[in-house]
Amino acid sequence: MLRFLGLAAGVALGVGLFLGGKWYVYVTATANPHDAEGTQLNGAMPEPLNRWGCGQLHARFPDALAPEGCKAADGASWRG
């Protein structure tokens, strides 16, 4: 049983690191702020990480419309 729990924990950690890495690359190095996979990952992040990610994207793409997960109430501009 402990072996199974250790394996499950290892798989969960691996998946978390993989998705966290993909999110980090999206917010810091993407060429397209509207990448569907990246916007989904950023939208699923806890609020502090989402806000940081949106700040990174906004700094890199100041003239672009805000992607999903970073939009203000008007649906187009960046959240403050």
N, C-alpha and C. Protein backbone atom coordinates (compact mmCIF):
# COMPACT_ATOMS: atom_id res chain seq x y z
N MET A 1 0.82 -1.19 0.00
CA MET A 1 0.00 0.00 0.00
C MET A 1 0.87 1.26 0.00
N LEU A 2 1.91 1.26 0.82
CA LEU A 2 2.79 2.44 0.86
C LEU A 2 3.48 2.65 -0.48
N ARG A 3 3.78 1.56 -1.15
CA ARG A 3 4.43 1.66 -2.46
C ARG A 3 3.49 2.36 -3.44
N PHE A 4 2.21 2.00 -3.41
CA PHE A 4 1.22 2.63 -4.29
C PHE A 4 1.07 4.11 -3.97
N LEU A 5 1.01 4.45 -2.68
CA LEU A 5 0.89 5.85 -2.28
C LEU A 5 2.11 6.65 -2.72
N GLY A 6 3.27 6.06 -2.59
CA GLY A 6 4.50 6.72 -3.05
C GLY A 6 4.49 6.94 -4.55
N LEU A 7 4.03 5.94 -5.29
CA LEU A 7 3.94 6.07 -6.74
C LEU A 7 2.93 7.14 -7.12
N ALA A 8 1.77 7.13 -6.46
CA ALA A 8 0.73 8.13 -6.75
C ALA A 8 1.24 9.54 -6.43
N ALA A 9 1.93 9.69 -5.32
CA ALA A 9 2.49 11.00 -4.97
C ALA A 9 3.54 11.43 -5.99
N GLY A 10 4.35 10.50 -6.44
CA GLY A 10 5.36 10.83 -7.45
C GLY A 10 4.75 11.24 -8.77
N VAL A 11 3.70 10.54 -9.18
CA VAL A 11 3.01 10.89 -10.42
C VAL A 11 2.36 12.27 -10.28
N ALA A 12 1.69 12.52 -9.15
CA ALA A 12 1.06 13.83 -8.93
C ALA A 12 2.10 14.95 -8.95
N LEU A 13 3.23 14.72 -8.33
CA LEU A 13 4.30 15.72 -8.32
C LEU A 13 4.83 15.95 -9.74
N GLY A 14 5.02 14.88 -10.48
CA GLY A 14 5.50 15.01 -11.85
C GLY A 14 4.54 15.78 -12.73
N VAL A 15 3.26 15.48 -12.61
CA VAL A 15 2.25 16.19 -13.40
C VAL A 15 2.22 17.66 -13.00
N GLY A 16 2.30 17.93 -11.70
CA GLY A 16 2.31 19.31 -11.23
C GLY A 16 3.51 20.09 -11.75
N LEU A 17 4.67 19.47 -11.72
CA LEU A 17 5.87 20.14 -12.24
C LEU A 17 5.79 20.37 -13.74
N PHE A 18 5.26 19.39 -14.45
CA PHE A 18 5.11 19.53 -15.90
C PHE A 18 4.16 20.68 -16.25
N LEU A 19 2.99 20.70 -15.62
CA LEU A 19 2.02 21.75 -15.92
C LEU A 19 2.50 23.12 -15.42
N GLY A 20 3.15 23.13 -14.26
CA GLY A 20 3.71 24.39 -13.76
C GLY A 20 4.80 24.93 -14.69
N GLY A 21 5.60 24.05 -15.22
CA GLY A 21 6.63 24.47 -16.17
C GLY A 21 6.05 25.01 -17.46
N LYS A 22 5.01 24.33 -17.95
CA LYS A 22 4.35 24.81 -19.18
C LYS A 22 3.72 26.19 -18.94
N TRP A 23 3.11 26.38 -17.76
CA TRP A 23 2.53 27.68 -17.43
C TRP A 23 3.62 28.76 -17.37
N TYR A 24 4.73 28.45 -16.71
CA TYR A 24 5.82 29.42 -16.57
C TYR A 24 6.37 29.82 -17.93
N VAL A 25 6.57 28.85 -18.80
CA VAL A 25 7.06 29.15 -20.15
C VAL A 25 6.05 30.01 -20.90
N TYR A 26 4.76 29.71 -20.73
CA TYR A 26 3.72 30.51 -21.39
C TYR A 26 3.80 31.97 -20.95
N VAL A 27 3.82 32.24 -19.64
CA VAL A 27 3.76 33.62 -19.18
C VAL A 27 5.07 34.37 -19.36
N THR A 28 6.19 33.66 -19.50
CA THR A 28 7.47 34.36 -19.62
C THR A 28 8.08 34.34 -21.01
N ALA A 29 7.64 33.42 -21.89
CA ALA A 29 8.34 33.29 -23.16
C ALA A 29 7.45 33.02 -24.37
N THR A 30 6.15 33.07 -24.23
CA THR A 30 5.30 32.77 -25.37
C THR A 30 5.38 33.85 -26.44
N ALA A 31 5.16 33.45 -27.66
CA ALA A 31 5.10 34.41 -28.76
C ALA A 31 3.67 34.86 -29.01
N ASN A 32 2.71 34.16 -28.40
CA ASN A 32 1.30 34.45 -28.62
C ASN A 32 0.57 34.45 -27.27
N PRO A 33 0.15 35.62 -26.78
CA PRO A 33 -0.53 35.65 -25.48
C PRO A 33 -1.90 34.99 -25.50
N HIS A 34 -2.42 34.69 -26.68
CA HIS A 34 -3.75 34.08 -26.80
C HIS A 34 -3.67 32.58 -27.08
N ASP A 35 -2.53 31.97 -26.79
CA ASP A 35 -2.36 30.53 -26.94
C ASP A 35 -3.40 29.82 -26.07
N ALA A 36 -4.20 28.94 -26.66
CA ALA A 36 -5.32 28.31 -25.96
C ALA A 36 -4.86 27.52 -24.74
N GLU A 37 -3.81 26.74 -24.90
CA GLU A 37 -3.32 25.93 -23.77
C GLU A 37 -2.79 26.83 -22.65
N GLY A 38 -2.05 27.86 -23.02
CA GLY A 38 -1.50 28.76 -22.02
C GLY A 38 -2.56 29.54 -21.26
N THR A 39 -3.57 30.01 -21.97
CA THR A 39 -4.63 30.76 -21.29
C THR A 39 -5.41 29.87 -20.34
N GLN A 40 -5.59 28.60 -20.70
CA GLN A 40 -6.28 27.67 -19.79
C GLN A 40 -5.44 27.42 -18.54
N LEU A 41 -4.15 27.21 -18.73
CA LEU A 41 -3.28 26.99 -17.57
C LEU A 41 -3.25 28.23 -16.67
N ASN A 42 -3.12 29.40 -17.25
CA ASN A 42 -3.06 30.62 -16.45
C ASN A 42 -4.38 30.85 -15.72
N GLY A 43 -5.50 30.57 -16.39
CA GLY A 43 -6.79 30.74 -15.75
C GLY A 43 -7.02 29.77 -14.61
N ALA A 44 -6.34 28.63 -14.63
CA ALA A 44 -6.51 27.63 -13.58
C ALA A 44 -5.58 27.86 -12.38
N MET A 45 -4.66 28.79 -12.51
CA MET A 45 -3.72 29.04 -11.42
C MET A 45 -4.40 29.78 -10.27
N PRO A 46 -3.89 29.59 -9.05
CA PRO A 46 -4.42 30.37 -7.92
C PRO A 46 -4.25 31.86 -8.20
N GLU A 47 -5.10 32.66 -7.61
CA GLU A 47 -5.16 34.10 -7.89
C GLU A 47 -3.79 34.80 -7.86
N PRO A 48 -2.94 34.60 -6.85
CA PRO A 48 -1.65 35.31 -6.88
C PRO A 48 -0.78 34.93 -8.09
N LEU A 49 -0.77 33.65 -8.45
CA LEU A 49 0.02 33.23 -9.61
C LEU A 49 -0.60 33.72 -10.90
N ASN A 50 -1.92 33.72 -10.97
CA ASN A 50 -2.61 34.21 -12.15
C ASN A 50 -2.31 35.69 -12.35
N ARG A 51 -2.37 36.48 -11.29
CA ARG A 51 -2.10 37.92 -11.40
C ARG A 51 -0.64 38.16 -11.82
N TRP A 52 0.28 37.39 -11.25
CA TRP A 52 1.68 37.54 -11.64
C TRP A 52 1.86 37.19 -13.11
N GLY A 53 1.24 36.09 -13.53
CA GLY A 53 1.32 35.68 -14.94
C GLY A 53 0.73 36.73 -15.86
N CYS A 54 -0.41 37.28 -15.48
CA CYS A 54 -1.02 38.33 -16.30
C CYS A 54 -0.12 39.56 -16.37
N GLY A 55 0.53 39.89 -15.27
CA GLY A 55 1.47 41.01 -15.27
C GLY A 55 2.64 40.77 -16.21
N GLN A 56 3.16 39.54 -16.22
CA GLN A 56 4.25 39.20 -17.13
C GLN A 56 3.79 39.33 -18.58
N LEU A 57 2.61 38.80 -18.87
CA LEU A 57 2.09 38.87 -20.24
C LEU A 57 1.84 40.32 -20.66
N HIS A 58 1.26 41.11 -19.75
CA HIS A 58 0.96 42.51 -20.07
C HIS A 58 2.24 43.30 -20.33
N ALA A 59 3.28 43.02 -19.56
CA ALA A 59 4.56 43.71 -19.76
C ALA A 59 5.16 43.36 -21.13
N ARG A 60 4.96 42.13 -21.58
CA ARG A 60 5.53 41.69 -22.85
C ARG A 60 4.65 42.06 -24.04
N PHE A 61 3.35 42.17 -23.83
CA PHE A 61 2.40 42.46 -24.91
C PHE A 61 1.49 43.63 -24.51
N PRO A 62 2.04 44.82 -24.29
CA PRO A 62 1.23 45.93 -23.77
C PRO A 62 0.13 46.40 -24.72
N ASP A 63 0.30 46.20 -26.02
CA ASP A 63 -0.68 46.68 -26.98
C ASP A 63 -1.69 45.62 -27.41
N ALA A 64 -1.53 44.40 -26.93
CA ALA A 64 -2.44 43.31 -27.31
C ALA A 64 -3.68 43.34 -26.43
N LEU A 65 -4.78 42.80 -26.97
CA LEU A 65 -5.96 42.59 -26.14
C LEU A 65 -5.61 41.56 -25.08
N ALA A 66 -6.21 41.70 -23.92
CA ALA A 66 -5.92 40.77 -22.83
C ALA A 66 -6.42 39.37 -23.18
N PRO A 67 -5.63 38.35 -22.88
CA PRO A 67 -6.08 36.97 -23.11
C PRO A 67 -7.08 36.55 -22.03
N GLU A 68 -7.75 35.43 -22.27
CA GLU A 68 -8.67 34.89 -21.27
C GLU A 68 -7.91 34.69 -19.96
N GLY A 69 -8.55 34.99 -18.86
CA GLY A 69 -7.93 34.86 -17.56
C GLY A 69 -7.24 36.13 -17.09
N CYS A 70 -7.07 37.09 -18.01
CA CYS A 70 -6.43 38.36 -17.67
C CYS A 70 -7.31 39.56 -18.02
N LYS A 71 -8.52 39.29 -18.47
CA LYS A 71 -9.40 40.36 -18.92
C LYS A 71 -10.06 41.07 -17.75
N ALA A 72 -10.24 42.38 -17.94
CA ALA A 72 -10.99 43.19 -16.97
C ALA A 72 -12.48 42.97 -17.21
N ALA A 73 -13.31 43.65 -16.46
CA ALA A 73 -14.76 43.49 -16.54
C ALA A 73 -15.31 43.84 -17.93
N ASP A 74 -14.61 44.71 -18.67
CA ASP A 74 -15.10 45.10 -20.00
C ASP A 74 -14.89 44.01 -21.04
N GLY A 75 -14.13 42.96 -20.70
CA GLY A 75 -13.93 41.83 -21.58
C GLY A 75 -12.85 41.99 -22.62
N ALA A 76 -12.12 43.10 -22.61
CA ALA A 76 -11.07 43.30 -23.59
C ALA A 76 -9.78 43.83 -22.98
N SER A 77 -9.87 44.76 -22.05
CA SER A 77 -8.66 45.36 -21.48
C SER A 77 -8.08 44.48 -20.39
N TRP A 78 -6.86 44.79 -20.02
CA TRP A 78 -6.14 44.02 -19.00
C TRP A 78 -6.66 44.37 -17.61
N ARG A 79 -6.74 43.36 -16.75
CA ARG A 79 -7.08 43.60 -15.34
C ARG A 79 -5.99 44.39 -14.68
N GLY A 80 -6.36 45.21 -13.76
CA GLY A 80 -5.39 46.04 -13.04
C GLY A 80 -4.80 45.39 -11.84
